[in-house]
Each structure stands twice: as C-alpha cells, then as structure tokens.
PDB file of N, CA and C in Angstrom:
ATOM      1  N   MET A   1     111.427 -87.912 -81.260  1.00  0.00           N
ATOM      2  CA  MET A   1     112.297 -87.457 -82.198  1.00  0.00           C
ATOM      3  C   MET A   1     112.481 -88.741 -83.168  1.00  0.00           C
ATOM      4  N   VAL A   2     112.734 -88.390 -84.450  1.00  0.00           N
ATOM      5  CA  VAL A   2     112.859 -89.396 -85.426  1.00  0.00           C
ATOM      6  C   VAL A   2     114.286 -89.609 -85.598  1.00  0.00           C
ATOM      7  N   GLU A   3     114.474 -90.959 -85.774  1.00  0.00           N
ATOM      8  CA  GLU A   3     115.851 -91.489 -85.724  1.00  0.00           C
ATOM      9  C   GLU A   3     116.319 -91.150 -87.286  1.00  0.00           C
ATOM     10  N   GLU A   4     117.674 -90.951 -87.305  1.00  0.00           N
ATOM     11  CA  GLU A   4     118.226 -90.696 -88.566  1.00  0.00           C
ATOM     12  C   GLU A   4     118.095 -91.697 -89.627  1.00  0.00           C
ATOM     13  N   ILE A   5     118.117 -93.060 -89.182  1.00  0.00           N
ATOM     14  CA  ILE A   5     117.972 -94.127 -90.162  1.00  0.00           C
ATOM     15  C   ILE A   5     116.490 -94.170 -90.878  1.00  0.00           C
ATOM     16  N   ASP A   6     115.508 -93.408 -89.933  1.00  0.00           N
ATOM     17  CA  ASP A   6     114.328 -93.592 -90.448  1.00  0.00           C
ATOM     18  C   ASP A   6     114.039 -92.301 -91.422  1.00  0.00           C
ATOM     19  N   ILE A   7     114.869 -91.207 -91.397  1.00  0.00           N
ATOM     20  CA  ILE A   7     114.859 -90.189 -92.197  1.00  0.00           C
ATOM     21  C   ILE A   7     115.455 -90.655 -93.480  1.00  0.00           C
ATOM     22  N   TYR A   8     116.454 -91.454 -93.593  1.00  0.00           N
ATOM     23  CA  TYR A   8     117.226 -92.100 -94.890  1.00  0.00           C
ATOM     24  C   TYR A   8     116.149 -93.183 -95.357  1.00  0.00           C
ATOM     25  N   ARG A   9     115.504 -93.893 -94.433  1.00  0.00           N
ATOM     26  CA  ARG A   9     114.461 -94.890 -95.136  1.00  0.00           C
ATOM     27  C   ARG A   9     113.376 -94.144 -95.842  1.00  0.00           C
ATOM     28  N   ALA A  10     112.850 -93.037 -95.293  1.00  0.00           N
ATOM     29  CA  ALA A  10     111.936 -92.253 -95.982  1.00  0.00           C
ATOM     30  C   ALA A  10     112.249 -91.588 -97.162  1.00  0.00           C
ATOM     31  N   ALA A  11     113.482 -91.217 -97.166  1.00  0.00           N
ATOM     32  CA  ALA A  11     113.986 -90.515 -98.274  1.00  0.00           C
ATOM     33  C   ALA A  11     114.205 -91.273 -99.491  1.00  0.00           C
ATOM     34  N   ASN A  12     114.633 -92.599 -99.172  1.00  0.00           N
ATOM     35  CA  ASN A  12     114.974 -93.620-100.007  1.00  0.00           C
ATOM     36  C   ASN A  12     113.494 -94.132-100.814  1.00  0.00           C
ATOM     37  N   LEU A  13     112.541 -94.303 -99.788  1.00  0.00           N
ATOM     38  CA  LEU A  13     111.221 -94.587-100.315  1.00  0.00           C
ATOM     39  C   LEU A  13     110.606 -93.576-101.283  1.00  0.00           C
ATOM     40  N   LEU A  14     110.735 -92.377-100.932  1.00  0.00           N
ATOM     41  CA  LEU A  14     110.271 -91.194-101.623  1.00  0.00           C
ATOM     42  C   LEU A  14     111.015 -91.208-103.009  1.00  0.00           C
ATOM     43  N   ILE A  15     112.330 -91.325-103.060  1.00  0.00           N
ATOM     44  CA  ILE A  15     113.075 -91.397-104.337  1.00  0.00           C
ATOM     45  C   ILE A  15     112.397 -92.603-105.301  1.00  0.00           C
ATOM     46  N   LYS A  16     112.138 -93.901-104.671  1.00  0.00           N
ATOM     47  CA  LYS A  16     111.499 -94.879-105.307  1.00  0.00           C
ATOM     48  C   LYS A  16     110.225 -94.457-105.885  1.00  0.00           C
ATOM     49  N   GLN A  17     109.486 -93.837-104.931  1.00  0.00           N
ATOM     50  CA  GLN A  17     107.909 -93.757-105.489  1.00  0.00           C
ATOM     51  C   GLN A  17     107.807 -92.464-106.245  1.00  0.00           C
ATOM     52  N   HIS A  18     108.656 -91.395-106.100  1.00  0.00           N
ATOM     53  CA  HIS A  18     108.498 -90.161-106.778  1.00  0.00           C
ATOM     54  C   HIS A  18     109.468 -89.589-107.716  1.00  0.00           C
ATOM     55  N   GLY A  19     110.646 -90.313-107.735  1.00  0.00           N
ATOM     56  CA  GLY A  19     111.808 -90.098-108.641  1.00  0.00           C
ATOM     57  C   GLY A  19     112.238 -88.799-108.347  1.00  0.00           C
ATOM     58  N   GLU A  20     112.499 -87.873-109.353  1.00  0.00           N
ATOM     59  CA  GLU A  20     112.875 -86.708-109.333  1.00  0.00           C
ATOM     60  C   GLU A  20     111.934 -85.586-108.685  1.00  0.00           C
ATOM     61  N   GLU A  21     110.724 -86.058-108.292  1.00  0.00           N
ATOM     62  CA  GLU A  21     109.712 -85.108-107.579  1.00  0.00           C
ATOM     63  C   GLU A  21     109.702 -85.509-106.181  1.00  0.00           C
ATOM     64  N   ALA A  22     110.642 -86.228-105.756  1.00  0.00           N
ATOM     65  CA  ALA A  22     110.721 -86.642-104.256  1.00  0.00           C
ATOM     66  C   ALA A  22     110.904 -85.365-103.406  1.00  0.00           C
ATOM     67  N   ALA A  23     111.732 -84.735-103.806  1.00  0.00           N
ATOM     68  CA  ALA A  23     112.115 -83.333-103.120  1.00  0.00           C
ATOM     69  C   ALA A  23     110.780 -82.440-102.896  1.00  0.00           C
ATOM     70  N   LEU A  24     110.153 -82.436-104.161  1.00  0.00           N
ATOM     71  CA  LEU A  24     109.095 -81.601-104.177  1.00  0.00           C
ATOM     72  C   LEU A  24     107.904 -82.094-103.266  1.00  0.00           C
ATOM     73  N   PHE A  25     107.768 -83.426-103.359  1.00  0.00           N
ATOM     74  CA  PHE A  25     106.810 -84.112-102.257  1.00  0.00           C
ATOM     75  C   PHE A  25     107.138 -83.837-100.935  1.00  0.00           C
ATOM     76  N   ALA A  26     108.233 -83.881-100.529  1.00  0.00           N
ATOM     77  CA  ALA A  26     108.745 -83.668 -99.253  1.00  0.00           C
ATOM     78  C   ALA A  26     108.559 -82.203 -98.770  1.00  0.00           C
ATOM     79  N   ALA A  27     108.897 -81.222 -99.684  1.00  0.00           N
ATOM     80  CA  ALA A  27     108.671 -79.910 -99.340  1.00  0.00           C
ATOM     81  C   ALA A  27     107.170 -79.475 -99.253  1.00  0.00           C
ATOM     82  N   MET A  28     106.317 -80.282 -99.985  1.00  0.00           N
ATOM     83  CA  MET A  28     104.812 -80.035 -99.912  1.00  0.00           C
ATOM     84  C   MET A  28     104.401 -80.637 -98.403  1.00  0.00           C
ATOM     85  N   GLN A  29     105.056 -81.807 -98.000  1.00  0.00           N
ATOM     86  CA  GLN A  29     104.660 -82.276 -96.837  1.00  0.00           C
ATOM     87  C   GLN A  29     105.167 -81.291 -95.590  1.00  0.00           C
ATOM     88  N   ALA A  30     106.389 -80.664 -95.697  1.00  0.00           N
ATOM     89  CA  ALA A  30     106.898 -79.791 -94.741  1.00  0.00           C
ATOM     90  C   ALA A  30     105.952 -78.566 -94.705  1.00  0.00           C
ATOM     91  N   ASP A  31     105.629 -78.017 -95.887  1.00  0.00           N
ATOM     92  CA  ASP A  31     104.539 -76.980 -95.895  1.00  0.00           C
ATOM     93  C   ASP A  31     103.420 -77.169 -95.281  1.00  0.00           C
ATOM     94  N   GLU A  32     102.797 -78.303 -95.398  1.00  0.00           N
ATOM     95  CA  GLU A  32     101.553 -78.716 -94.612  1.00  0.00           C
ATOM     96  C   GLU A  32     101.688 -78.752 -93.140  1.00  0.00           C
ATOM     97  N   PHE A  33     102.759 -79.230 -92.714  1.00  0.00           N
ATOM     98  CA  PHE A  33     103.051 -79.350 -91.311  1.00  0.00           C
ATOM     99  C   PHE A  33     103.285 -77.873 -90.724  1.00  0.00           C
ATOM    100  N   LEU A  34     103.919 -77.063 -91.402  1.00  0.00           N
ATOM    101  CA  LEU A  34     104.048 -75.596 -91.196  1.00  0.00           C
ATOM    102  C   LEU A  34     102.781 -74.867 -91.056  1.00  0.00           C
ATOM    103  N   LYS A  35     101.984 -75.254 -91.785  1.00  0.00           N
ATOM    104  CA  LYS A  35     100.590 -74.636 -91.805  1.00  0.00           C
ATOM    105  C   LYS A  35      99.762 -75.054 -90.607  1.00  0.00           C
ATOM    106  N   LYS A  36      99.988 -76.134 -90.327  1.00  0.00           N
ATOM    107  CA  LYS A  36      99.367 -76.606 -89.075  1.00  0.00           C
ATOM    108  C   LYS A  36     100.126 -76.340 -87.751  1.00  0.00           C
ATOM    109  N   GLY A  37     101.147 -75.603 -87.802  1.00  0.00           N
ATOM    110  CA  GLY A  37     101.802 -75.166 -86.679  1.00  0.00           C
ATOM    111  C   GLY A  37     102.697 -76.255 -86.084  1.00  0.00           C
ATOM    112  N   ASP A  38     102.873 -77.266 -86.911  1.00  0.00           N
ATOM    113  CA  ASP A  38     103.864 -78.287 -86.315  1.00  0.00           C
ATOM    114  C   ASP A  38     105.327 -78.105 -86.910  1.00  0.00           C
ATOM    115  N   LEU A  39     106.012 -77.426 -86.004  1.00  0.00           N
ATOM    116  CA  LEU A  39     107.442 -77.015 -86.346  1.00  0.00           C
ATOM    117  C   LEU A  39     108.246 -78.446 -86.496  1.00  0.00           C
ATOM    118  N   ASP A  40     108.151 -79.255 -85.447  1.00  0.00           N
ATOM    119  CA  ASP A  40     108.771 -80.500 -85.474  1.00  0.00           C
ATOM    120  C   ASP A  40     108.697 -81.379 -86.601  1.00  0.00           C
ATOM    121  N   GLY A  41     107.391 -81.383 -87.208  1.00  0.00           N
ATOM    122  CA  GLY A  41     107.183 -81.941 -88.492  1.00  0.00           C
ATOM    123  C   GLY A  41     107.560 -81.410 -89.644  1.00  0.00           C
ATOM    124  N   LYS A  42     107.794 -80.121 -89.661  1.00  0.00           N
ATOM    125  CA  LYS A  42     108.611 -79.341 -90.676  1.00  0.00           C
ATOM    126  C   LYS A  42     110.042 -79.722 -90.732  1.00  0.00           C
ATOM    127  N   VAL A  43     110.721 -79.661 -89.532  1.00  0.00           N
ATOM    128  CA  VAL A  43     112.019 -79.835 -89.484  1.00  0.00           C
ATOM    129  C   VAL A  43     112.316 -81.349 -89.837  1.00  0.00           C
ATOM    130  N   MET A  44     111.359 -82.218 -89.523  1.00  0.00           N
ATOM    131  CA  MET A  44     111.743 -83.717 -89.961  1.00  0.00           C
ATOM    132  C   MET A  44     111.613 -83.773 -91.431  1.00  0.00           C
ATOM    133  N   TRP A  45     110.821 -83.150 -92.112  1.00  0.00           N
ATOM    134  CA  TRP A  45     110.611 -83.138 -93.518  1.00  0.00           C
ATOM    135  C   TRP A  45     111.790 -82.400 -94.179  1.00  0.00           C
ATOM    136  N   LEU A  46     112.237 -81.395 -93.513  1.00  0.00           N
ATOM    137  CA  LEU A  46     113.496 -80.746 -94.155  1.00  0.00           C
ATOM    138  C   LEU A  46     114.600 -81.743 -94.096  1.00  0.00           C
ATOM    139  N   ALA A  47     114.703 -82.508 -92.957  1.00  0.00           N
ATOM    140  CA  ALA A  47     115.854 -83.564 -92.806  1.00  0.00           C
ATOM    141  C   ALA A  47     115.616 -84.518 -94.008  1.00  0.00           C
ATOM    142  N   VAL A  48     114.404 -84.779 -94.320  1.00  0.00           N
ATOM    143  CA  VAL A  48     114.194 -85.820 -95.381  1.00  0.00           C
ATOM    144  C   VAL A  48     114.621 -85.317 -96.782  1.00  0.00           C
ATOM    145  N   ILE A  49     114.428 -83.906 -96.865  1.00  0.00           N
ATOM    146  CA  ILE A  49     115.001 -83.314 -98.348  1.00  0.00           C
ATOM    147  C   ILE A  49     116.382 -83.159 -98.268  1.00  0.00           C
ATOM    148  N   SER A  50     117.125 -83.069 -97.155  1.00  0.00           N
ATOM    149  CA  SER A  50     118.553 -83.291 -97.170  1.00  0.00           C
ATOM    150  C   SER A  50     119.050 -84.475 -97.544  1.00  0.00           C
ATOM    151  N   ALA A  51     118.214 -85.521 -97.005  1.00  0.00           N
ATOM    152  CA  ALA A  51     118.705 -86.848 -97.116  1.00  0.00           C
ATOM    153  C   ALA A  51     118.482 -87.226 -98.567  1.00  0.00           C
ATOM    154  N   ILE A  52     117.388 -86.830 -99.112  1.00  0.00           N
ATOM    155  CA  ILE A  52     117.047 -87.127-100.720  1.00  0.00           C
ATOM    156  C   ILE A  52     118.320 -86.534-101.418  1.00  0.00           C
ATOM    157  N   GLU A  53     118.813 -85.218-101.176  1.00  0.00           N
ATOM    158  CA  GLU A  53     119.797 -84.623-101.837  1.00  0.00           C
ATOM    159  C   GLU A  53     121.115 -85.660-101.752  1.00  0.00           C
ATOM    160  N   GLU A  54     121.299 -86.099-100.525  1.00  0.00           N
ATOM    161  CA  GLU A  54     122.459 -86.749-100.396  1.00  0.00           C
ATOM    162  C   GLU A  54     122.469 -88.172-101.072  1.00  0.00           C
ATOM    163  N   LEU A  55     121.201 -88.805-101.138  1.00  0.00           N
ATOM    164  CA  LEU A  55     121.126 -90.026-101.807  1.00  0.00           C
ATOM    165  C   LEU A  55     120.851 -90.104-103.349  1.00  0.00           C
ATOM    166  N   SER A  56     120.364 -89.043-103.922  1.00  0.00           N
ATOM    167  CA  SER A  56     120.034 -88.861-105.355  1.00  0.00           C
ATOM    168  C   SER A  56     121.159 -88.143-105.908  1.00  0.00           C
ATOM    169  N   PRO A  57     121.848 -88.775-106.923  1.00  0.00           N
ATOM    170  CA  PRO A  57     122.983 -88.058-107.562  1.00  0.00           C
ATOM    171  C   PRO A  57     122.519 -86.987-108.582  1.00  0.00           C
ATOM    172  N   THR A  58     121.291 -87.020-109.056  1.00  0.00           N
ATOM    173  CA  THR A  58     120.824 -85.956-109.911  1.00  0.00           C
ATOM    174  C   THR A  58     119.918 -84.927-109.154  1.00  0.00           C
ATOM    175  N   PHE A  59     119.855 -85.163-107.974  1.00  0.00           N
ATOM    176  CA  PHE A  59     118.967 -84.004-107.212  1.00  0.00           C
ATOM    177  C   PHE A  59     119.424 -82.684-107.519  1.00  0.00           C
ATOM    178  N   GLY A  60     118.164 -81.784-107.595  1.00  0.00           N
ATOM    179  CA  GLY A  60     118.349 -80.357-107.742  1.00  0.00           C
ATOM    180  C   GLY A  60     117.281 -79.778-106.999  1.00  0.00           C
ATOM    181  N   HIS A  61     117.325 -78.677-106.382  1.00  0.00           N
ATOM    182  CA  HIS A  61     116.332 -78.031-105.759  1.00  0.00           C
ATOM    183  C   HIS A  61     115.559 -77.035-106.542  1.00  0.00           C
ATOM    184  N   SER A  62     115.623 -77.104-107.790  1.00  0.00           N
ATOM    185  CA  SER A  62     114.901 -76.067-108.524  1.00  0.00           C
ATOM    186  C   SER A  62     113.285 -76.393-108.345  1.00  0.00           C
ATOM    187  N   SER A  63     112.904 -77.713-108.173  1.00  0.00           N
ATOM    188  CA  SER A  63     111.466 -77.889-108.056  1.00  0.00           C
ATOM    189  C   SER A  63     111.074 -77.384-106.605  1.00  0.00           C
ATOM    190  N   CYS A  64     111.981 -77.375-105.725  1.00  0.00           N
ATOM    191  CA  CYS A  64     111.677 -76.997-104.380  1.00  0.00           C
ATOM    192  C   CYS A  64     111.493 -75.569-104.239  1.00  0.00           C
ATOM    193  N   ARG A  65     112.141 -74.786-105.042  1.00  0.00           N
ATOM    194  CA  ARG A  65     112.107 -73.244-105.229  1.00  0.00           C
ATOM    195  C   ARG A  65     110.883 -72.921-105.708  1.00  0.00           C
ATOM    196  N   ILE A  66     110.150 -73.693-106.597  1.00  0.00           N
ATOM    197  CA  ILE A  66     109.020 -73.451-107.220  1.00  0.00           C
ATOM    198  C   ILE A  66     107.888 -73.388-106.178  1.00  0.00           C
ATOM    199  N   HIS A  67     108.040 -74.296-105.204  1.00  0.00           N
ATOM    200  CA  HIS A  67     106.976 -74.618-104.030  1.00  0.00           C
ATOM    201  C   HIS A  67     107.211 -73.415-102.981  1.00  0.00           C
ATOM    202  N   TRP A  68     108.314 -73.247-102.390  1.00  0.00           N
ATOM    203  CA  TRP A  68     108.250 -72.318-101.276  1.00  0.00           C
ATOM    204  C   TRP A  68     109.595 -71.776-101.282  1.00  0.00           C
ATOM    205  N   GLU A  69     109.947 -70.532-101.030  1.00  0.00           N
ATOM    206  CA  GLU A  69     111.133 -69.671-101.257  1.00  0.00           C
ATOM    207  C   GLU A  69     112.087 -69.852 -99.971  1.00  0.00           C
ATOM    208  N   SER A  70     111.623 -70.276 -98.923  1.00  0.00           N
ATOM    209  CA  SER A  70     112.341 -70.425 -97.643  1.00  0.00           C
ATOM    210  C   SER A  70     113.059 -71.812 -97.480  1.00  0.00           C
ATOM    211  N   CYS A  71     113.240 -72.553 -98.368  1.00  0.00           N
ATOM    212  CA  CYS A  71     113.727 -74.057 -98.155  1.00  0.00           C
ATOM    213  C   CYS A  71     115.163 -73.809 -97.433  1.00  0.00           C
ATOM    214  N   ASP A  72     115.293 -74.472 -96.407  1.00  0.00           N
ATOM    215  CA  ASP A  72     116.614 -74.276 -95.634  1.00  0.00           C
ATOM    216  C   ASP A  72     117.710 -75.091 -96.463  1.00  0.00           C
ATOM    217  N   PRO A  73     117.615 -76.336 -97.063  1.00  0.00           N
ATOM    218  CA  PRO A  73     118.543 -76.777 -97.837  1.00  0.00           C
ATOM    219  C   PRO A  73     118.950 -75.978 -99.080  1.00  0.00           C
ATOM    220  N   CYS A  74     117.865 -75.279 -99.648  1.00  0.00           N
ATOM    221  CA  CYS A  74     118.260 -74.468-100.847  1.00  0.00           C
ATOM    222  C   CYS A  74     119.067 -73.305-100.498  1.00  0.00           C
ATOM    223  N   LEU A  75     118.608 -72.674 -99.408  1.00  0.00           N
ATOM    224  CA  LEU A  75     119.417 -71.541 -98.873  1.00  0.00           C
ATOM    225  C   LEU A  75     120.768 -71.783 -98.489  1.00  0.00           C
ATOM    226  N   SER A  76     121.040 -73.076 -97.992  1.00  0.00           N
ATOM    227  CA  SER A  76     122.436 -73.425 -97.386  1.00  0.00           C
ATOM    228  C   SER A  76     123.448 -73.670 -98.612  1.00  0.00           C
ATOM    229  N   ARG A  77     122.935 -73.742 -99.851  1.00  0.00           N
ATOM    230  CA  ARG A  77     123.854 -74.180-100.897  1.00  0.00           C
ATOM    231  C   ARG A  77     124.805 -73.185-101.305  1.00  0.00           C
TER     232      ARG A  77
END
C-alpha cells in the first residue's frame, strides 16, 4: 500500500512537471493500470488525482473528462 505522503509527493511532482496537465497525465496512468488489470494501481492514481485537486488552486477536471468518463473524483463533485 502506498503511503499518503507519497501520494502527495507524486501529485506535487506532477504539478511541477505537467502544470495544468497533471491530472490528465495521472488519469492516463490510471487508465493504463486498468487496462493491465491492476486495480490497486488504478486506485493509487485516482488518489494522486484527488491530491492534485487539493494542491492546485486552479485545478479543473475538464481535461480528465476528455480522457475517460468514469473518473471517480469528477463524479463525486
């Protein structure tokens, strides 16, 4: 199991590397893990998306909706 601090570290790194595209990158990673049948990996990337939302003041899920329709953070808004 991935520690919460590591989720936030990953989210912070993705925001620095990808800016507004950080959530899209994380969603693509979640999608790849799902394609491989790795549900734990998918859940971990969904947690990263949630952390990106929390850490980024300008975060919006519009890019996520383009990539896949069943994004849990989007659906829970």
